[in-house]
Amino acid sequence: MPQAVGVIEALGFPATLAAADAMLKAGRVTLVYFDKAERGNFYIAIRGSVSEVASAMAAGLEAGEACFGGKIMTHYTVPNPPENIVSVLPIHYTDQVEAFRVY
């Protein structure tokens, strides 16, 4: 099954939390990464099948914008990322998230 990666950067932790919550509830995806970006921005990355990531990203974008004071700064989806990208960037399934991986 082709895999995809979806990334959202949001202003403020509440908007990031709302986006992550909506994404995980809207699609069969796994949250694989979270970190601070800059100036109060945070970013999250999800993995799953191409169609599931697409629907989860739509829900996450809507929820992040709907959060009081929330603003989505940027977002991107990569369908079928090459193994080189997955092995170098922090978007692979780690031991920490493997227990939550959705097949």
N, C-alpha and C. Protein backbone atom coordinates (compact mmCIF):
# COMPACT_ATOMS: atom_id res chain seq x y z
N MET A 1 0.85 -1.17 0.00
CA MET A 1 0.00 0.00 0.00
C MET A 1 0.90 1.24 0.00
N PRO A 2 0.70 2.18 -0.93
CA PRO A 2 1.51 3.39 -0.97
C PRO A 2 1.31 4.23 0.30
N GLN A 3 2.42 4.69 0.84
CA GLN A 3 2.41 5.51 2.05
C GLN A 3 2.57 6.98 1.70
N ALA A 4 2.10 7.84 2.58
CA ALA A 4 2.25 9.29 2.40
C ALA A 4 2.68 9.89 3.73
N VAL A 5 3.21 11.10 3.65
CA VAL A 5 3.58 11.88 4.82
C VAL A 5 2.84 13.20 4.73
N GLY A 6 2.23 13.61 5.82
CA GLY A 6 1.58 14.92 5.89
C GLY A 6 2.19 15.72 7.02
N VAL A 7 2.49 16.99 6.76
CA VAL A 7 3.11 17.86 7.76
C VAL A 7 2.31 19.14 7.89
N ILE A 8 2.05 19.55 9.13
CA ILE A 8 1.38 20.82 9.40
C ILE A 8 2.23 21.61 10.38
N GLU A 9 2.42 22.89 10.09
CA GLU A 9 3.05 23.81 11.03
C GLU A 9 1.98 24.81 11.44
N ALA A 10 1.80 24.96 12.74
CA ALA A 10 0.75 25.84 13.26
C ALA A 10 1.33 26.81 14.28
N LEU A 11 0.66 27.94 14.42
CA LEU A 11 1.04 28.94 15.41
C LEU A 11 0.39 28.56 16.73
N GLY A 12 1.19 28.30 17.74
CA GLY A 12 0.69 27.99 19.07
C GLY A 12 0.42 26.51 19.29
N PHE A 13 0.64 26.10 20.53
CA PHE A 13 0.42 24.69 20.88
C PHE A 13 -1.05 24.28 20.80
N PRO A 14 -2.01 25.10 21.25
CA PRO A 14 -3.40 24.66 21.17
C PRO A 14 -3.85 24.32 19.74
N ALA A 15 -3.46 25.12 18.78
CA ALA A 15 -3.83 24.84 17.39
C ALA A 15 -3.16 23.55 16.89
N THR A 16 -1.93 23.33 17.34
CA THR A 16 -1.20 22.10 16.96
C THR A 16 -1.88 20.89 17.57
N LEU A 17 -2.26 20.99 18.83
CA LEU A 17 -2.95 19.89 19.50
C LEU A 17 -4.30 19.61 18.83
N ALA A 18 -5.04 20.66 18.50
CA ALA A 18 -6.34 20.49 17.84
C ALA A 18 -6.17 19.82 16.48
N ALA A 19 -5.15 20.23 15.74
CA ALA A 19 -4.90 19.64 14.42
C ALA A 19 -4.52 18.17 14.56
N ALA A 20 -3.63 17.85 15.49
CA ALA A 20 -3.21 16.47 15.69
C ALA A 20 -4.38 15.59 16.10
N ASP A 21 -5.18 16.07 17.02
CA ASP A 21 -6.34 15.32 17.49
C ASP A 21 -7.30 15.03 16.33
N ALA A 22 -7.59 16.05 15.54
CA ALA A 22 -8.52 15.88 14.42
C ALA A 22 -7.96 14.92 13.38
N MET A 23 -6.66 15.01 13.11
CA MET A 23 -6.06 14.12 12.11
C MET A 23 -6.14 12.66 12.52
N LEU A 24 -5.82 12.40 13.79
CA LEU A 24 -5.81 11.01 14.24
C LEU A 24 -7.22 10.42 14.33
N LYS A 25 -8.20 11.27 14.53
CA LYS A 25 -9.58 10.80 14.58
C LYS A 25 -10.21 10.69 13.19
N ALA A 26 -9.68 11.43 12.22
CA ALA A 26 -10.29 11.47 10.88
C ALA A 26 -9.76 10.41 9.93
N GLY A 27 -8.60 9.85 10.22
CA GLY A 27 -8.03 8.88 9.29
C GLY A 27 -7.19 7.85 10.01
N ARG A 28 -6.93 6.76 9.33
CA ARG A 28 -6.09 5.70 9.87
C ARG A 28 -4.63 6.09 9.62
N VAL A 29 -4.15 7.02 10.47
CA VAL A 29 -2.80 7.56 10.34
C VAL A 29 -2.08 7.46 11.68
N THR A 30 -0.77 7.61 11.65
CA THR A 30 0.06 7.57 12.85
C THR A 30 0.82 8.88 12.96
N LEU A 31 0.77 9.49 14.13
CA LEU A 31 1.57 10.68 14.40
C LEU A 31 3.00 10.21 14.61
N VAL A 32 3.91 10.64 13.73
CA VAL A 32 5.29 10.16 13.81
C VAL A 32 6.27 11.20 14.32
N TYR A 33 5.87 12.49 14.34
CA TYR A 33 6.82 13.50 14.78
C TYR A 33 6.11 14.76 15.26
N PHE A 34 6.68 15.38 16.29
CA PHE A 34 6.21 16.64 16.83
C PHE A 34 7.44 17.40 17.31
N ASP A 35 7.49 18.70 17.06
CA ASP A 35 8.61 19.52 17.56
C ASP A 35 8.25 20.98 17.46
N LYS A 36 9.06 21.81 18.12
CA LYS A 36 8.92 23.26 18.00
C LYS A 36 9.58 23.68 16.70
N ALA A 37 8.97 24.63 16.01
CA ALA A 37 9.56 25.14 14.78
C ALA A 37 10.31 26.43 15.10
N GLU A 38 9.62 27.51 15.30
CA GLU A 38 10.23 28.79 15.68
C GLU A 38 9.15 29.76 16.10
N ARG A 39 9.48 30.75 16.89
CA ARG A 39 8.58 31.83 17.30
C ARG A 39 7.19 31.36 17.71
N GLY A 40 7.09 30.34 18.50
CA GLY A 40 5.79 29.88 18.95
C GLY A 40 5.09 28.95 17.98
N ASN A 41 5.78 28.56 16.93
CA ASN A 41 5.21 27.61 15.96
C ASN A 41 5.62 26.20 16.33
N PHE A 42 4.76 25.26 16.05
CA PHE A 42 5.02 23.84 16.26
C PHE A 42 4.68 23.12 14.98
N TYR A 43 5.30 21.95 14.77
CA TYR A 43 4.91 21.17 13.61
C TYR A 43 4.75 19.71 13.97
N ILE A 44 3.88 19.07 13.20
CA ILE A 44 3.57 17.66 13.41
C ILE A 44 3.62 16.96 12.06
N ALA A 45 3.95 15.69 12.10
CA ALA A 45 4.01 14.89 10.88
C ALA A 45 3.23 13.60 11.11
N ILE A 46 2.46 13.20 10.11
CA ILE A 46 1.70 11.96 10.17
C ILE A 46 2.10 11.08 9.00
N ARG A 47 1.87 9.77 9.14
CA ARG A 47 2.12 8.81 8.07
C ARG A 47 0.91 7.90 7.96
N GLY A 48 0.69 7.39 6.79
CA GLY A 48 -0.38 6.45 6.53
C GLY A 48 -0.55 6.30 5.04
N SER A 49 -1.62 5.64 4.64
CA SER A 49 -1.88 5.49 3.21
C SER A 49 -2.20 6.86 2.61
N VAL A 50 -2.01 6.98 1.31
CA VAL A 50 -2.19 8.26 0.64
C VAL A 50 -3.59 8.82 0.87
N SER A 51 -4.61 7.99 0.72
CA SER A 51 -5.98 8.47 0.88
C SER A 51 -6.29 8.84 2.32
N GLU A 52 -5.78 8.08 3.27
CA GLU A 52 -6.03 8.37 4.69
C GLU A 52 -5.32 9.65 5.13
N VAL A 53 -4.10 9.86 4.64
CA VAL A 53 -3.37 11.09 4.98
C VAL A 53 -4.10 12.29 4.40
N ALA A 54 -4.62 12.16 3.19
CA ALA A 54 -5.34 13.28 2.56
C ALA A 54 -6.55 13.69 3.40
N SER A 55 -7.35 12.73 3.84
CA SER A 55 -8.54 13.08 4.63
C SER A 55 -8.14 13.58 6.03
N ALA A 56 -7.10 13.00 6.61
CA ALA A 56 -6.64 13.44 7.92
C ALA A 56 -6.08 14.87 7.86
N MET A 57 -5.35 15.17 6.81
CA MET A 57 -4.80 16.53 6.66
C MET A 57 -5.92 17.56 6.54
N ALA A 58 -6.95 17.25 5.78
CA ALA A 58 -8.08 18.18 5.62
C ALA A 58 -8.71 18.46 6.98
N ALA A 59 -8.90 17.43 7.78
CA ALA A 59 -9.50 17.61 9.11
C ALA A 59 -8.56 18.39 10.02
N GLY A 60 -7.27 18.12 9.97
CA GLY A 60 -6.31 18.82 10.80
C GLY A 60 -6.20 20.29 10.46
N LEU A 61 -6.23 20.61 9.17
CA LEU A 61 -6.17 22.01 8.75
C LEU A 61 -7.39 22.78 9.24
N GLU A 62 -8.55 22.17 9.11
CA GLU A 62 -9.78 22.81 9.57
C GLU A 62 -9.77 23.02 11.08
N ALA A 63 -9.36 22.00 11.82
CA ALA A 63 -9.36 22.10 13.28
C ALA A 63 -8.33 23.10 13.79
N GLY A 64 -7.17 23.15 13.17
CA GLY A 64 -6.14 24.10 13.58
C GLY A 64 -6.57 25.54 13.38
N GLU A 65 -7.24 25.81 12.28
CA GLU A 65 -7.73 27.17 12.00
C GLU A 65 -8.91 27.53 12.90
N ALA A 66 -9.72 26.54 13.27
CA ALA A 66 -10.90 26.79 14.09
C ALA A 66 -10.56 27.03 15.56
N CYS A 67 -9.38 26.61 15.98
CA CYS A 67 -8.96 26.79 17.37
C CYS A 67 -8.79 28.28 17.65
N PHE A 68 -9.26 28.73 18.81
CA PHE A 68 -9.16 30.15 19.16
C PHE A 68 -7.71 30.62 19.10
N GLY A 69 -7.44 31.62 18.28
CA GLY A 69 -6.08 32.13 18.11
C GLY A 69 -5.21 31.27 17.23
N GLY A 70 -5.75 30.18 16.73
CA GLY A 70 -4.97 29.26 15.92
C GLY A 70 -4.78 29.75 14.50
N LYS A 71 -3.64 29.42 13.94
CA LYS A 71 -3.36 29.77 12.56
C LYS A 71 -2.44 28.71 11.98
N ILE A 72 -2.83 28.15 10.86
CA ILE A 72 -1.97 27.22 10.15
C ILE A 72 -0.98 28.05 9.34
N MET A 73 0.29 27.84 9.61
CA MET A 73 1.33 28.61 8.94
C MET A 73 1.67 28.01 7.58
N THR A 74 1.80 26.70 7.54
CA THR A 74 2.11 26.01 6.29
C THR A 74 1.78 24.54 6.45
N HIS A 75 1.64 23.86 5.33
CA HIS A 75 1.36 22.43 5.36
C HIS A 75 1.77 21.82 4.03
N TYR A 76 2.00 20.52 4.04
CA TYR A 76 2.39 19.85 2.80
C TYR A 76 2.16 18.35 2.96
N THR A 77 1.80 17.71 1.87
CA THR A 77 1.64 16.26 1.83
C THR A 77 2.55 15.70 0.75
N VAL A 78 3.29 14.64 1.10
CA VAL A 78 4.17 13.97 0.14
C VAL A 78 3.66 12.54 -0.05
N PRO A 79 3.05 12.27 -1.20
CA PRO A 79 2.65 10.89 -1.46
C PRO A 79 3.86 10.07 -1.90
N ASN A 80 3.99 8.89 -1.37
CA ASN A 80 5.06 7.97 -1.73
C ASN A 80 6.46 8.57 -1.61
N PRO A 81 6.85 9.01 -0.42
CA PRO A 81 8.20 9.59 -0.29
C PRO A 81 9.27 8.53 -0.52
N PRO A 82 10.38 8.90 -1.18
CA PRO A 82 11.46 7.94 -1.39
C PRO A 82 12.10 7.53 -0.05
N GLU A 83 12.66 6.34 0.00
CA GLU A 83 13.27 5.83 1.22
C GLU A 83 14.37 6.75 1.74
N ASN A 84 15.09 7.42 0.85
CA ASN A 84 16.15 8.32 1.27
C ASN A 84 15.58 9.45 2.13
N ILE A 85 14.44 9.99 1.74
CA ILE A 85 13.81 11.05 2.54
C ILE A 85 13.35 10.51 3.88
N VAL A 86 12.74 9.34 3.86
CA VAL A 86 12.23 8.74 5.09
C VAL A 86 13.36 8.41 6.06
N SER A 87 14.49 7.96 5.57
CA SER A 87 15.60 7.59 6.45
C SER A 87 16.35 8.79 7.01
N VAL A 88 16.34 9.92 6.30
CA VAL A 88 17.10 11.09 6.74
C VAL A 88 16.25 12.04 7.58
N LEU A 89 15.05 12.34 7.15
CA LEU A 89 14.19 13.26 7.88
C LEU A 89 13.48 12.53 9.03
N PRO A 90 13.04 13.24 10.03
CA PRO A 90 12.40 12.60 11.19
C PRO A 90 10.94 12.24 10.93
N ILE A 91 10.69 11.43 9.90
CA ILE A 91 9.32 11.07 9.56
C ILE A 91 9.13 9.56 9.49
N HIS A 92 10.09 8.80 9.97
CA HIS A 92 9.98 7.35 9.92
C HIS A 92 9.25 6.84 11.17
N TYR A 93 8.84 5.59 11.10
CA TYR A 93 8.19 4.97 12.26
C TYR A 93 9.27 4.58 13.26
N THR A 94 9.32 5.26 14.39
CA THR A 94 10.31 4.94 15.43
C THR A 94 9.75 3.88 16.36
N ASP A 95 10.61 3.35 17.22
CA ASP A 95 10.14 2.38 18.22
C ASP A 95 9.10 3.01 19.13
N GLN A 96 9.23 4.31 19.39
CA GLN A 96 8.30 5.03 20.27
C GLN A 96 6.89 5.06 19.70
N VAL A 97 6.74 5.20 18.38
CA VAL A 97 5.41 5.30 17.78
C VAL A 97 4.93 3.99 17.18
N GLU A 98 5.79 2.99 17.10
CA GLU A 98 5.43 1.72 16.47
C GLU A 98 4.19 1.09 17.11
N ALA A 99 4.04 1.25 18.42
CA ALA A 99 2.88 0.66 19.12
C ALA A 99 1.57 1.29 18.65
N PHE A 100 1.63 2.48 18.11
CA PHE A 100 0.43 3.19 17.67
C PHE A 100 0.24 3.14 16.16
N ARG A 101 1.13 2.46 15.46
CA ARG A 101 1.09 2.41 14.00
C ARG A 101 -0.20 1.75 13.52
N VAL A 102 -0.81 2.37 12.54
CA VAL A 102 -2.05 1.85 11.99
C VAL A 102 -1.74 1.23 10.63
N TYR A 103 -2.15 -0.01 10.45
CA TYR A 103 -1.89 -0.70 9.18
C TYR A 103 -3.11 -0.72 8.31
